[in-house]
N, C-alpha and C. Protein backbone atom coordinates (compact mmCIF):
# COMPACT_ATOMS: atom_id res chain seq x y z
N MET A 1 20.05 236.72 14.83
CA MET A 1 20.89 236.20 14.18
C MET A 1 20.24 237.24 12.65
N SER A 2 21.05 237.08 11.52
CA SER A 2 21.59 237.96 10.35
C SER A 2 20.95 236.65 9.52
N LEU A 3 20.30 237.40 8.17
CA LEU A 3 20.04 235.64 7.40
C LEU A 3 21.59 235.67 6.82
N TYR A 4 22.76 236.14 6.77
CA TYR A 4 24.29 235.92 6.87
C TYR A 4 24.60 234.83 7.18
N SER A 5 24.02 234.78 9.02
CA SER A 5 24.77 233.88 9.67
C SER A 5 24.05 232.88 9.61
N GLU A 6 23.23 232.47 9.54
CA GLU A 6 22.19 231.51 9.38
C GLU A 6 22.96 230.85 8.47
N PHE A 7 22.41 231.58 7.74
CA PHE A 7 22.41 230.98 5.87
C PHE A 7 23.78 230.85 5.29
N CYS A 8 24.16 232.19 5.04
CA CYS A 8 25.35 232.18 4.48
C CYS A 8 27.11 232.01 5.03
N LEU A 9 26.72 231.58 6.49
CA LEU A 9 27.64 231.69 7.07
C LEU A 9 28.04 230.19 7.26
N PRO A 10 27.19 228.93 7.74
CA PRO A 10 27.54 228.27 7.42
C PRO A 10 28.18 227.69 6.53
N HIS A 11 27.31 228.24 5.45
CA HIS A 11 28.31 227.60 3.44
C HIS A 11 29.46 227.61 3.52
N LEU A 12 29.62 229.01 3.90
CA LEU A 12 31.50 229.12 3.48
C LEU A 12 32.60 228.97 4.37
N THR A 13 32.19 228.82 5.97
CA THR A 13 32.41 228.21 7.26
C THR A 13 32.76 226.54 6.37
N GLY A 14 31.59 226.17 5.84
CA GLY A 14 31.63 224.49 5.58
C GLY A 14 33.10 224.42 4.20
N CYS A 15 33.05 224.87 3.05
CA CYS A 15 33.74 225.04 2.60
C CYS A 15 35.40 225.22 3.64
N VAL A 16 35.71 226.12 3.45
CA VAL A 16 36.61 227.21 4.08
C VAL A 16 37.30 226.43 4.94
N CYS A 17 37.23 225.66 5.57
CA CYS A 17 36.87 224.87 6.93
C CYS A 17 36.82 222.84 6.49
N GLY A 18 37.11 223.15 5.06
CA GLY A 18 36.68 221.76 4.74
C GLY A 18 38.21 221.42 3.46
N LEU A 19 38.49 222.56 3.69
CA LEU A 19 40.47 222.62 2.35
C LEU A 19 41.09 220.92 3.03
N LYS A 20 41.16 220.43 1.38
CA LYS A 20 42.05 219.54 1.45
C LYS A 20 44.21 219.41 2.47
N ALA A 21 43.69 220.50 2.90
CA ALA A 21 44.86 221.48 3.84
C ALA A 21 44.90 221.00 5.45
N LEU A 22 43.53 221.66 5.55
CA LEU A 22 42.62 221.82 6.33
C LEU A 22 42.82 220.27 6.98
N ALA A 23 41.81 219.70 6.58
CA ALA A 23 40.97 218.49 6.86
C ALA A 23 42.11 217.54 7.38
N ARG A 24 43.83 217.33 6.67
CA ARG A 24 44.87 217.03 7.06
C ARG A 24 45.17 217.00 8.50
N GLN A 25 45.19 218.57 8.59
CA GLN A 25 45.41 218.72 10.54
C GLN A 25 44.39 218.39 11.21
N ARG A 26 42.86 217.86 11.03
CA ARG A 26 42.21 217.79 11.50
C ARG A 26 42.82 215.74 11.71
N GLU A 27 43.01 215.04 10.54
CA GLU A 27 42.88 214.00 10.14
C GLU A 27 44.10 214.05 12.07
N LEU A 28 45.37 213.93 12.43
CA LEU A 28 46.25 214.46 12.70
C LEU A 28 46.34 214.35 14.27
N ILE A 29 44.37 214.70 14.45
CA ILE A 29 44.52 215.25 15.95
C ILE A 29 43.30 214.41 16.31
N VAL A 30 42.04 214.66 15.88
CA VAL A 30 41.39 213.97 15.91
C VAL A 30 40.97 212.30 17.12
N PRO A 31 41.84 211.37 15.88
CA PRO A 31 41.30 210.29 16.63
C PRO A 31 42.77 209.63 18.12
N LEU A 32 43.20 211.09 18.30
CA LEU A 32 42.94 210.96 19.97
C LEU A 32 42.25 211.45 20.58
N ALA A 33 41.41 211.62 20.42
CA ALA A 33 39.83 211.34 21.52
C ALA A 33 39.45 210.05 22.36
N HIS A 34 39.74 210.40 22.76
CA HIS A 34 38.99 209.47 23.33
C HIS A 34 37.27 209.64 25.10
N GLY A 35 37.19 208.12 25.26
CA GLY A 35 35.83 208.54 26.08
C GLY A 35 35.06 209.56 25.48
N ARG A 36 34.35 210.15 26.29
CA ARG A 36 33.72 210.64 26.47
C ARG A 36 33.64 212.15 25.65
N VAL A 37 33.68 212.42 25.11
CA VAL A 37 34.23 213.79 24.28
C VAL A 37 33.30 215.09 23.87
N LEU A 38 33.38 216.00 23.71
CA LEU A 38 32.32 217.40 24.12
C LEU A 38 33.55 218.12 22.21
N GLU A 39 32.70 217.76 21.72
CA GLU A 39 33.35 219.40 20.66
C GLU A 39 33.02 220.92 20.76
N VAL A 40 33.38 221.35 20.85
CA VAL A 40 33.43 222.34 20.98
C VAL A 40 33.60 223.32 19.78
N GLY A 41 32.36 224.44 19.15
CA GLY A 41 32.55 224.58 18.05
C GLY A 41 32.30 223.82 17.11
N MET A 42 31.83 222.59 16.90
CA MET A 42 31.66 221.43 16.17
C MET A 42 31.40 222.27 14.57
N GLY A 43 30.15 223.16 14.21
CA GLY A 43 30.25 224.10 13.01
C GLY A 43 28.80 222.52 12.13
N THR A 44 30.13 222.51 10.71
CA THR A 44 29.27 221.55 10.00
C THR A 44 29.29 220.45 10.13
N ALA A 45 30.03 220.16 11.33
CA ALA A 45 30.34 219.21 11.68
C ALA A 45 31.78 217.92 9.96
N LEU A 46 32.83 218.55 10.74
CA LEU A 46 33.62 217.64 9.66
C LEU A 46 34.67 217.32 10.22
N ASN A 47 34.74 216.36 11.58
CA ASN A 47 35.58 216.30 11.82
C ASN A 47 35.45 214.72 12.84
N LEU A 48 33.74 214.56 12.05
CA LEU A 48 33.20 213.42 12.45
C LEU A 48 33.80 212.39 11.68
N PRO A 49 34.79 212.64 10.95
CA PRO A 49 35.27 210.92 9.29
C PRO A 49 36.14 210.92 10.66
N PHE A 50 36.82 211.60 11.03
CA PHE A 50 38.41 211.71 11.52
C PHE A 50 38.50 210.76 13.50
N TYR A 51 37.81 209.86 13.38
CA TYR A 51 37.00 209.92 14.91
C TYR A 51 37.73 208.15 15.05
N ASP A 52 37.83 207.94 15.63
CA ASP A 52 38.63 206.88 15.85
C ASP A 52 37.23 205.69 16.57
N ARG A 53 36.42 205.34 15.78
CA ARG A 53 35.79 204.57 16.97
C ARG A 53 35.21 203.39 17.67
N GLU A 54 36.43 202.77 17.98
CA GLU A 54 36.52 202.12 18.75
C GLU A 54 37.04 202.76 20.35
N LYS A 55 37.55 203.73 20.08
CA LYS A 55 37.89 204.51 21.47
C LYS A 55 36.88 205.76 22.10
N VAL A 56 35.78 205.90 21.13
CA VAL A 56 35.01 207.15 21.64
C VAL A 56 34.18 206.31 22.11
N SER A 57 32.97 206.33 23.02
CA SER A 57 31.71 206.15 23.65
C SER A 57 30.55 207.18 23.50
N CYS A 58 30.96 208.56 23.08
CA CYS A 58 29.48 209.48 23.03
C CYS A 58 30.63 210.32 22.80
N ILE A 59 29.62 211.91 22.02
CA ILE A 59 29.93 213.26 21.71
C ILE A 59 29.04 213.62 22.32
N TRP A 60 29.24 215.07 22.26
CA TRP A 60 28.77 216.08 22.44
C TRP A 60 29.35 217.37 21.88
N GLY A 61 28.15 217.72 20.71
CA GLY A 61 28.12 218.69 20.03
C GLY A 61 27.72 220.13 20.34
N LEU A 62 28.72 220.50 21.10
CA LEU A 62 28.72 221.98 21.44
C LEU A 62 28.97 223.40 19.92
N GLU A 63 27.40 223.87 19.65
CA GLU A 63 27.17 224.76 18.29
C GLU A 63 26.09 225.29 18.02
N PRO A 64 26.50 226.07 18.98
CA PRO A 64 25.04 227.67 19.58
C PRO A 64 23.91 228.38 17.53
N SER A 65 24.94 227.90 16.50
CA SER A 65 23.89 227.95 15.78
C SER A 65 23.22 227.55 14.81
N PRO A 66 21.88 227.83 14.75
CA PRO A 66 20.85 226.35 14.44
C PRO A 66 21.28 226.48 13.05
N GLY A 67 21.96 227.36 12.06
CA GLY A 67 22.42 227.01 10.60
C GLY A 67 23.67 226.03 10.30
N MET A 68 24.80 226.33 11.46
CA MET A 68 24.90 225.38 11.59
C MET A 68 25.37 223.76 12.07
N ARG A 69 24.05 223.95 12.58
CA ARG A 69 23.20 222.36 13.23
C ARG A 69 22.91 222.01 12.07
N ARG A 70 22.39 222.60 10.94
CA ARG A 70 20.83 222.08 10.19
C ARG A 70 22.26 221.81 8.78
N ALA A 71 23.95 222.74 8.80
CA ALA A 71 24.33 222.17 7.88
C ALA A 71 25.18 221.25 8.29
N ALA A 72 25.09 220.77 9.52
CA ALA A 72 26.50 219.50 9.66
C ALA A 72 25.04 218.43 9.65
N GLU A 73 23.59 218.28 9.24
CA GLU A 73 23.08 217.09 9.22
C GLU A 73 23.17 216.02 8.76
N LYS A 74 23.90 216.09 6.89
CA LYS A 74 24.38 215.50 6.23
C LYS A 74 25.24 214.57 6.61
N ASN A 75 26.35 215.38 7.35
CA ASN A 75 27.77 214.76 7.08
C ASN A 75 27.28 214.37 8.90
N VAL A 76 26.55 214.18 9.76
CA VAL A 76 26.45 212.91 10.84
C VAL A 76 25.46 212.43 10.48
N ARG A 77 25.08 212.13 9.76
CA ARG A 77 23.98 210.95 9.45
C ARG A 77 25.28 210.09 8.16
N ARG A 78 25.75 210.43 7.84
CA ARG A 78 26.95 209.80 7.17
C ARG A 78 27.52 209.00 8.40
N SER A 79 27.89 210.04 9.24
CA SER A 79 28.62 209.27 10.31
C SER A 79 28.52 207.96 10.87
N GLY A 80 27.30 207.94 10.83
CA GLY A 80 26.73 206.65 12.32
C GLY A 80 26.82 206.89 13.58
N LEU A 81 27.67 207.99 13.57
CA LEU A 81 28.41 207.99 15.92
C LEU A 81 27.79 208.78 16.11
N PRO A 82 26.63 208.64 17.56
CA PRO A 82 26.28 209.22 17.98
C PRO A 82 26.43 210.29 18.28
N VAL A 83 25.76 211.16 17.84
CA VAL A 83 26.25 213.12 18.28
C VAL A 83 25.04 214.08 19.11
N ARG A 84 25.12 213.96 20.79
CA ARG A 84 24.06 215.42 21.02
C ARG A 84 24.19 216.90 20.68
N TRP A 85 23.82 216.59 20.48
CA TRP A 85 23.73 218.26 20.45
C TRP A 85 23.41 219.04 21.65
N LEU A 86 24.40 220.46 21.65
CA LEU A 86 23.98 221.33 22.89
C LEU A 86 24.22 222.54 22.39
N ASP A 87 22.98 223.66 22.67
CA ASP A 87 23.36 224.43 21.36
C ASP A 87 23.50 225.86 22.50
N LEU A 88 24.22 225.71 23.17
CA LEU A 88 24.65 227.21 24.33
C LEU A 88 25.98 227.39 23.67
N PRO A 89 26.09 228.43 23.98
CA PRO A 89 27.32 228.81 24.32
C PRO A 89 28.88 228.98 24.63
N ALA A 90 29.91 227.93 24.24
CA ALA A 90 31.57 227.65 25.10
C ALA A 90 30.91 228.41 26.65
N ALA A 91 30.95 229.37 26.40
CA ALA A 91 30.84 229.62 27.91
C ALA A 91 29.97 229.63 28.73
N ALA A 92 28.94 229.30 27.97
CA ALA A 92 27.52 228.24 29.52
C ALA A 92 27.72 226.58 29.03
N ILE A 93 28.43 225.74 28.79
CA ILE A 93 28.74 224.56 29.41
C ILE A 93 27.26 223.88 29.68
N PRO A 94 26.66 223.17 29.01
CA PRO A 94 25.42 222.52 29.86
C PRO A 94 25.63 221.33 30.32
N LEU A 95 26.83 220.80 30.52
CA LEU A 95 27.68 219.43 31.32
C LEU A 95 27.83 219.41 32.66
N ALA A 96 28.04 218.93 33.74
CA ALA A 96 28.66 219.23 34.79
C ALA A 96 30.06 219.04 34.97
N ASP A 97 30.36 218.96 36.58
CA ASP A 97 32.31 219.29 36.70
C ASP A 97 32.86 217.81 36.02
N GLY A 98 33.88 217.94 35.52
CA GLY A 98 35.31 216.93 35.15
C GLY A 98 34.06 215.60 34.60
N SER A 99 33.54 215.81 33.43
CA SER A 99 32.96 214.67 33.42
C SER A 99 32.88 214.17 31.73
N VAL A 100 34.08 215.09 31.15
CA VAL A 100 34.30 214.84 30.23
C VAL A 100 36.20 214.75 30.13
N ASP A 101 35.66 213.50 29.12
CA ASP A 101 36.98 212.61 28.92
C ASP A 101 37.76 213.59 28.31
N THR A 102 37.76 214.26 26.84
CA THR A 102 38.80 214.65 26.24
C THR A 102 38.03 215.83 25.92
N VAL A 103 38.39 217.44 25.70
CA VAL A 103 38.06 217.98 24.96
C VAL A 103 38.59 218.57 24.23
N LEU A 104 37.44 218.28 22.43
CA LEU A 104 38.46 219.06 21.47
C LEU A 104 38.22 220.38 20.29
N SER A 105 38.53 221.37 20.35
CA SER A 105 38.53 222.07 19.87
C SER A 105 38.82 222.08 18.42
N THR A 106 38.64 222.69 17.51
CA THR A 106 39.22 222.35 16.05
C THR A 106 38.87 223.79 14.98
N PHE A 107 39.34 225.11 15.08
CA PHE A 107 39.76 225.52 14.39
C PHE A 107 38.23 226.82 15.03
N THR A 108 37.89 226.79 16.23
CA THR A 108 36.92 227.69 17.02
C THR A 108 37.43 228.88 17.91
N LEU A 109 38.78 228.24 18.92
CA LEU A 109 38.90 229.45 19.19
C LEU A 109 39.25 230.84 19.21
N CYS A 110 39.52 231.24 17.62
CA CYS A 110 39.32 231.93 16.70
C CYS A 110 38.40 233.00 16.59
N SER A 111 37.07 232.29 16.86
CA SER A 111 36.08 232.96 16.33
C SER A 111 34.86 233.08 18.45
N ILE A 112 35.43 233.05 19.25
CA ILE A 112 35.08 233.39 20.31
C ILE A 112 35.65 234.31 21.01
N THR A 113 34.36 235.40 21.18
CA THR A 113 34.18 236.51 22.13
C THR A 113 34.84 236.12 23.18
N ASP A 114 33.77 235.34 24.36
CA ASP A 114 34.55 235.06 25.43
C ASP A 114 35.27 234.37 25.60
N TRP A 115 36.70 233.59 25.09
CA TRP A 115 37.85 232.71 25.19
C TRP A 115 37.72 232.47 26.59
N ARG A 116 38.15 233.55 27.11
CA ARG A 116 38.61 233.13 28.40
C ARG A 116 37.58 231.66 29.59
N GLY A 117 36.27 232.69 29.31
CA GLY A 117 34.50 231.74 29.14
C GLY A 117 34.57 230.95 29.27
N ALA A 118 34.99 230.66 27.87
CA ALA A 118 35.30 228.90 26.70
C ALA A 118 35.76 228.27 27.83
N LEU A 119 37.48 228.66 27.22
CA LEU A 119 38.56 227.85 28.11
C LEU A 119 38.09 227.36 29.75
N ALA A 120 37.69 228.04 30.46
CA ALA A 120 37.39 228.02 31.90
C ALA A 120 36.40 227.08 32.04
N GLU A 121 35.45 227.10 31.38
CA GLU A 121 33.99 226.39 31.07
C GLU A 121 34.80 224.36 30.46
N MET A 122 35.89 224.36 29.49
CA MET A 122 36.27 224.02 28.68
C MET A 122 36.68 222.99 30.18
N ARG A 123 38.03 223.62 30.90
CA ARG A 123 38.80 223.32 31.79
C ARG A 123 37.51 222.90 32.55
N ARG A 124 36.42 223.42 33.37
CA ARG A 124 35.66 222.59 34.34
C ARG A 124 34.77 221.18 34.43
N VAL A 125 34.74 221.40 32.80
CA VAL A 125 33.89 219.78 32.32
C VAL A 125 34.75 218.68 32.48
N LEU A 126 35.55 219.54 31.89
CA LEU A 126 37.13 217.59 31.80
C LEU A 126 38.65 217.05 33.22
N ALA A 127 37.68 215.93 32.26
CA ALA A 127 37.76 215.30 33.87
C ALA A 127 39.89 215.07 34.73
N PRO A 128 39.29 214.70 35.45
CA PRO A 128 41.32 215.29 36.33
C PRO A 128 42.71 214.89 35.48
N GLN A 129 42.22 213.56 35.03
CA GLN A 129 43.12 212.68 33.68
C GLN A 129 42.74 213.05 31.77
N GLY A 130 41.40 214.01 32.02
CA GLY A 130 41.45 214.11 30.75
C GLY A 130 42.29 215.04 29.86
N ARG A 131 41.99 215.29 28.29
CA ARG A 131 43.28 216.06 27.87
C ARG A 131 42.12 217.07 26.91
N LEU A 132 42.81 218.07 26.43
CA LEU A 132 42.34 219.11 25.87
C LEU A 132 43.48 219.25 24.61
N LEU A 133 42.23 218.83 23.54
CA LEU A 133 42.84 218.82 21.69
C LEU A 133 42.39 219.75 21.15
N PHE A 134 44.28 220.13 20.43
CA PHE A 134 43.63 221.81 19.90
C PHE A 134 43.91 221.39 18.10
N CYS A 135 43.39 222.14 17.72
CA CYS A 135 43.54 222.01 16.15
C CYS A 135 43.33 223.43 15.23
N GLU A 136 44.98 224.78 15.70
CA GLU A 136 43.19 225.78 15.81
C GLU A 136 44.60 227.01 14.96
N HIS A 137 44.09 228.05 14.12
CA HIS A 137 45.24 229.34 13.51
C HIS A 137 44.82 230.26 14.22
N GLY A 138 46.33 230.83 14.66
CA GLY A 138 46.48 232.18 15.28
C GLY A 138 47.74 232.74 14.57
N ALA A 139 47.94 233.52 15.29
CA ALA A 139 48.59 234.23 15.57
C ALA A 139 50.01 233.85 14.74
N ALA A 140 50.36 234.06 13.93
CA ALA A 140 51.68 233.86 12.90
C ALA A 140 53.58 234.50 14.09
N PRO A 141 54.43 234.07 14.10
CA PRO A 141 56.00 233.95 14.01
C PRO A 141 56.39 235.07 13.63
N ASP A 142 56.24 235.35 12.77
CA ASP A 142 56.92 235.72 11.56
C ASP A 142 56.11 237.49 12.00
N GLU A 143 57.22 238.92 12.15
CA GLU A 143 56.66 240.25 12.32
C GLU A 143 55.60 240.30 11.09
N GLY A 144 56.53 239.92 9.97
CA GLY A 144 55.84 241.35 8.96
C GLY A 144 54.30 240.44 8.18
N VAL A 145 54.10 238.85 9.12
CA VAL A 145 53.20 238.49 8.61
C VAL A 145 51.86 238.72 9.71
N LEU A 146 52.18 238.89 11.22
CA LEU A 146 51.55 239.41 11.92
C LEU A 146 51.29 240.55 11.71
N LYS A 147 52.18 241.93 11.67
CA LYS A 147 51.27 242.71 10.86
C LYS A 147 50.53 242.80 10.75
N TRP A 148 50.56 242.24 9.27
CA TRP A 148 49.03 241.54 7.73
C TRP A 148 47.41 241.23 9.02
N GLN A 149 48.09 240.65 10.06
CA GLN A 149 46.99 239.95 10.39
C GLN A 149 46.68 240.37 11.29
N ARG A 150 47.10 241.48 12.36
CA ARG A 150 46.36 242.57 12.82
C ARG A 150 45.88 243.28 11.96
N ARG A 151 45.69 244.15 11.12
CA ARG A 151 45.84 245.58 9.65
C ARG A 151 44.20 244.14 10.12
N ILE A 152 44.35 243.21 9.30
CA ILE A 152 43.68 243.20 8.94
C ILE A 152 42.41 242.75 9.39
N THR A 153 42.05 241.95 10.48
CA THR A 153 41.16 241.27 11.17
C THR A 153 40.19 241.80 11.78
N PRO A 154 40.08 243.52 11.71
CA PRO A 154 38.94 243.76 12.36
C PRO A 154 37.40 243.67 10.77
N TRP A 155 38.02 243.73 10.31
CA TRP A 155 37.13 243.94 8.68
C TRP A 155 36.99 241.97 8.32
N TRP A 156 37.64 241.38 9.11
CA TRP A 156 38.46 239.46 8.00
C TRP A 156 36.90 239.70 9.43
N GLN A 157 36.72 239.80 10.53
CA GLN A 157 36.15 238.53 11.69
C GLN A 157 34.44 239.54 11.22
N HIS A 158 34.34 240.37 10.55
CA HIS A 158 32.87 240.77 10.47
C HIS A 158 32.84 239.85 8.63
N LEU A 159 32.77 239.29 8.21
CA LEU A 159 33.01 238.59 7.64
C LEU A 159 32.68 237.34 7.58
N ALA A 160 33.74 236.60 9.05
CA ALA A 160 33.55 235.33 8.67
C ALA A 160 33.84 234.44 10.00
N GLY A 161 32.08 235.21 10.82
CA GLY A 161 32.23 234.84 11.63
C GLY A 161 32.78 235.37 12.85
N GLY A 162 33.96 236.64 13.37
CA GLY A 162 33.91 236.47 14.96
C GLY A 162 35.37 236.07 14.38
N CYS A 163 35.59 234.96 13.31
CA CYS A 163 37.42 234.63 13.87
C CYS A 163 38.36 235.99 13.49
N ARG A 164 39.38 235.56 14.50
CA ARG A 164 40.51 236.57 14.09
C ARG A 164 41.81 235.52 14.69
N LEU A 165 42.43 236.84 13.31
CA LEU A 165 44.21 235.61 12.58
C LEU A 165 44.60 235.51 13.50
N ASP A 166 44.42 236.87 14.73
CA ASP A 166 45.85 237.05 15.56
C ASP A 166 45.97 236.95 16.75
N ARG A 167 45.82 235.31 16.94
CA ARG A 167 45.49 235.49 18.60
C ARG A 167 46.45 234.54 18.53
N PRO A 168 46.97 234.07 19.89
CA PRO A 168 48.57 233.59 19.87
C PRO A 168 47.79 231.92 21.33
N ILE A 169 47.09 231.27 20.22
CA ILE A 169 46.33 230.19 20.84
C ILE A 169 47.25 229.44 22.12
N PRO A 170 47.86 228.87 21.75
CA PRO A 170 49.05 228.49 23.42
C PRO A 170 49.42 228.84 24.72
N ALA A 171 49.30 230.35 24.08
CA ALA A 171 49.39 230.95 25.59
C ALA A 171 48.03 231.71 26.27
N LEU A 172 47.46 231.77 25.70
CA LEU A 172 45.24 231.62 25.86
C LEU A 172 44.66 230.45 26.90
N ILE A 173 46.16 228.97 25.94
CA ILE A 173 45.70 228.12 26.49
C ILE A 173 46.66 227.75 28.38
N ALA A 174 47.71 228.51 27.85
CA ALA A 174 47.78 228.59 29.32
C ALA A 174 47.16 229.19 30.08
N ASP A 175 47.22 230.49 29.37
CA ASP A 175 47.30 231.47 30.87
C ASP A 175 45.72 230.88 31.21
N SER A 176 44.40 229.77 30.42
CA SER A 176 43.20 230.07 31.35
C SER A 176 42.92 228.25 32.09
N GLY A 177 44.78 228.37 33.12
CA GLY A 177 44.74 226.96 34.33
C GLY A 177 44.81 225.45 33.24
N PHE A 178 45.59 225.21 31.75
CA PHE A 178 45.84 224.62 31.39
C PHE A 178 47.59 224.50 31.16
N ARG A 179 47.76 223.70 31.09
CA ARG A 179 49.51 222.99 30.69
C ARG A 179 49.01 222.29 29.82
N VAL A 180 49.61 222.90 28.48
CA VAL A 180 50.72 222.17 27.28
C VAL A 180 51.64 221.15 27.10
N VAL A 181 51.54 220.45 26.89
CA VAL A 181 51.53 218.53 26.28
C VAL A 181 52.15 218.61 25.56
N ALA A 182 51.72 218.74 24.66
CA ALA A 182 51.89 218.30 23.60
C ALA A 182 52.30 219.84 22.31
N LEU A 183 53.19 219.85 21.32
CA LEU A 183 52.84 220.81 19.73
C LEU A 183 53.24 221.47 19.54
N ASP A 184 52.60 220.73 18.37
CA ASP A 184 52.95 221.65 16.72
C ASP A 184 52.45 222.90 16.19
N ALA A 185 53.29 223.39 15.81
CA ALA A 185 53.36 224.51 15.00
C ALA A 185 53.99 225.55 13.76
N GLY A 186 53.31 225.26 12.86
CA GLY A 186 53.88 226.09 10.64
C GLY A 186 52.71 226.30 10.64
N TYR A 187 53.02 226.67 9.57
CA TYR A 187 52.17 227.51 7.81
C TYR A 187 51.52 226.53 7.23
N ALA A 188 50.50 225.82 7.18
CA ALA A 188 49.16 224.98 6.52
C ALA A 188 50.07 225.39 4.94
N GLU A 189 49.69 223.56 4.49
CA GLU A 189 50.89 224.41 2.96
C GLU A 189 48.88 224.14 2.07
N GLY A 190 49.19 225.69 1.56
CA GLY A 190 47.87 225.06 -0.11
C GLY A 190 46.48 226.21 1.61
N VAL A 191 47.66 226.92 2.23
CA VAL A 191 46.20 227.66 2.59
C VAL A 191 47.53 229.80 2.98
N PRO A 192 46.80 229.97 2.28
CA PRO A 192 48.05 232.19 2.98
C PRO A 192 48.33 232.04 3.90
N ARG A 193 49.33 232.37 4.17
CA ARG A 193 50.01 232.54 5.05
C ARG A 193 49.29 233.23 6.61
N LEU A 194 48.80 234.33 5.52
CA LEU A 194 47.67 235.65 6.55
C LEU A 194 46.82 234.08 7.74
N ALA A 195 45.82 233.52 7.13
CA ALA A 195 45.18 232.36 7.74
C ALA A 195 45.90 231.20 8.74
N GLY A 196 47.42 230.66 7.91
CA GLY A 196 47.19 229.52 7.78
C GLY A 196 48.46 228.84 8.71
N TYR A 197 48.65 230.00 9.94
CA TYR A 197 50.44 229.53 10.93
C TYR A 197 48.77 229.10 11.95
N THR A 198 48.90 227.17 11.94
CA THR A 198 47.94 226.37 13.01
C THR A 198 49.25 225.98 13.65
N TYR A 199 47.94 225.70 14.76
CA TYR A 199 48.84 225.60 16.27
C TYR A 199 48.15 223.69 16.83
N ARG A 200 48.91 222.78 16.51
CA ARG A 200 47.74 221.57 16.34
C ARG A 200 48.65 220.94 17.68
N GLY A 201 48.04 220.93 19.01
CA GLY A 201 49.10 219.85 20.69
C GLY A 201 47.78 219.36 21.60
N CYS A 202 47.82 218.90 22.61
CA CYS A 202 47.04 218.74 23.61
C CYS A 202 48.18 219.11 24.80
N ALA A 203 46.32 219.70 26.13
CA ALA A 203 46.67 219.85 26.78
C ALA A 203 46.05 218.60 28.07
N GLU A 204 46.31 219.51 29.31
CA GLU A 204 45.79 219.00 30.13
C GLU A 204 45.59 219.81 30.72
N LYS A 205 44.77 219.88 32.21
CA LYS A 205 44.86 220.77 33.67
C LYS A 205 46.63 221.03 34.29
N GLY A 206 45.76 222.38 34.69
CA GLY A 206 47.29 222.63 35.44
C GLY A 206 47.36 222.68 36.76
């Protein structure tokens, strides 16, 4: 792991993902989590303030980056929530089949190289009546914006921890055996359009 990934990227990610416009998106989806929660790509733990403590029994935080987990320590302590770290990639979730009531993914699917393997694992560990909650940025519907997303992504992903600007998030989820049952999409205010088209919703096992 490079010094940039270990020390610079966690700080950069915390600053960008902590923008008020993105915090508003998190605030709309995270409180829907209930029971045993697996948060994929927990990063610097920016979601913790938005959990409904009355609905959550435990939280597994999947985060393979030591730098991210180290940067998250203050937010975890401040929250007082019981977070159990899992330091493996999303394509190798160390939990039993059907052991999770809610899988939460916020601004994570854009940066997972093996998104097929990751979503397959999320589906495997999700209980039969469980839900995948997601809030992601991705491909814009406007051809002009999408064209520039595709042009910039090869350079952008090197600076932003593998983040791709042009992923069609709902299609990836549906292609992985989930059924999207609720979806809101649109440009987030206060975020550049190239990185600001967000998909927020809920999916169940298909």
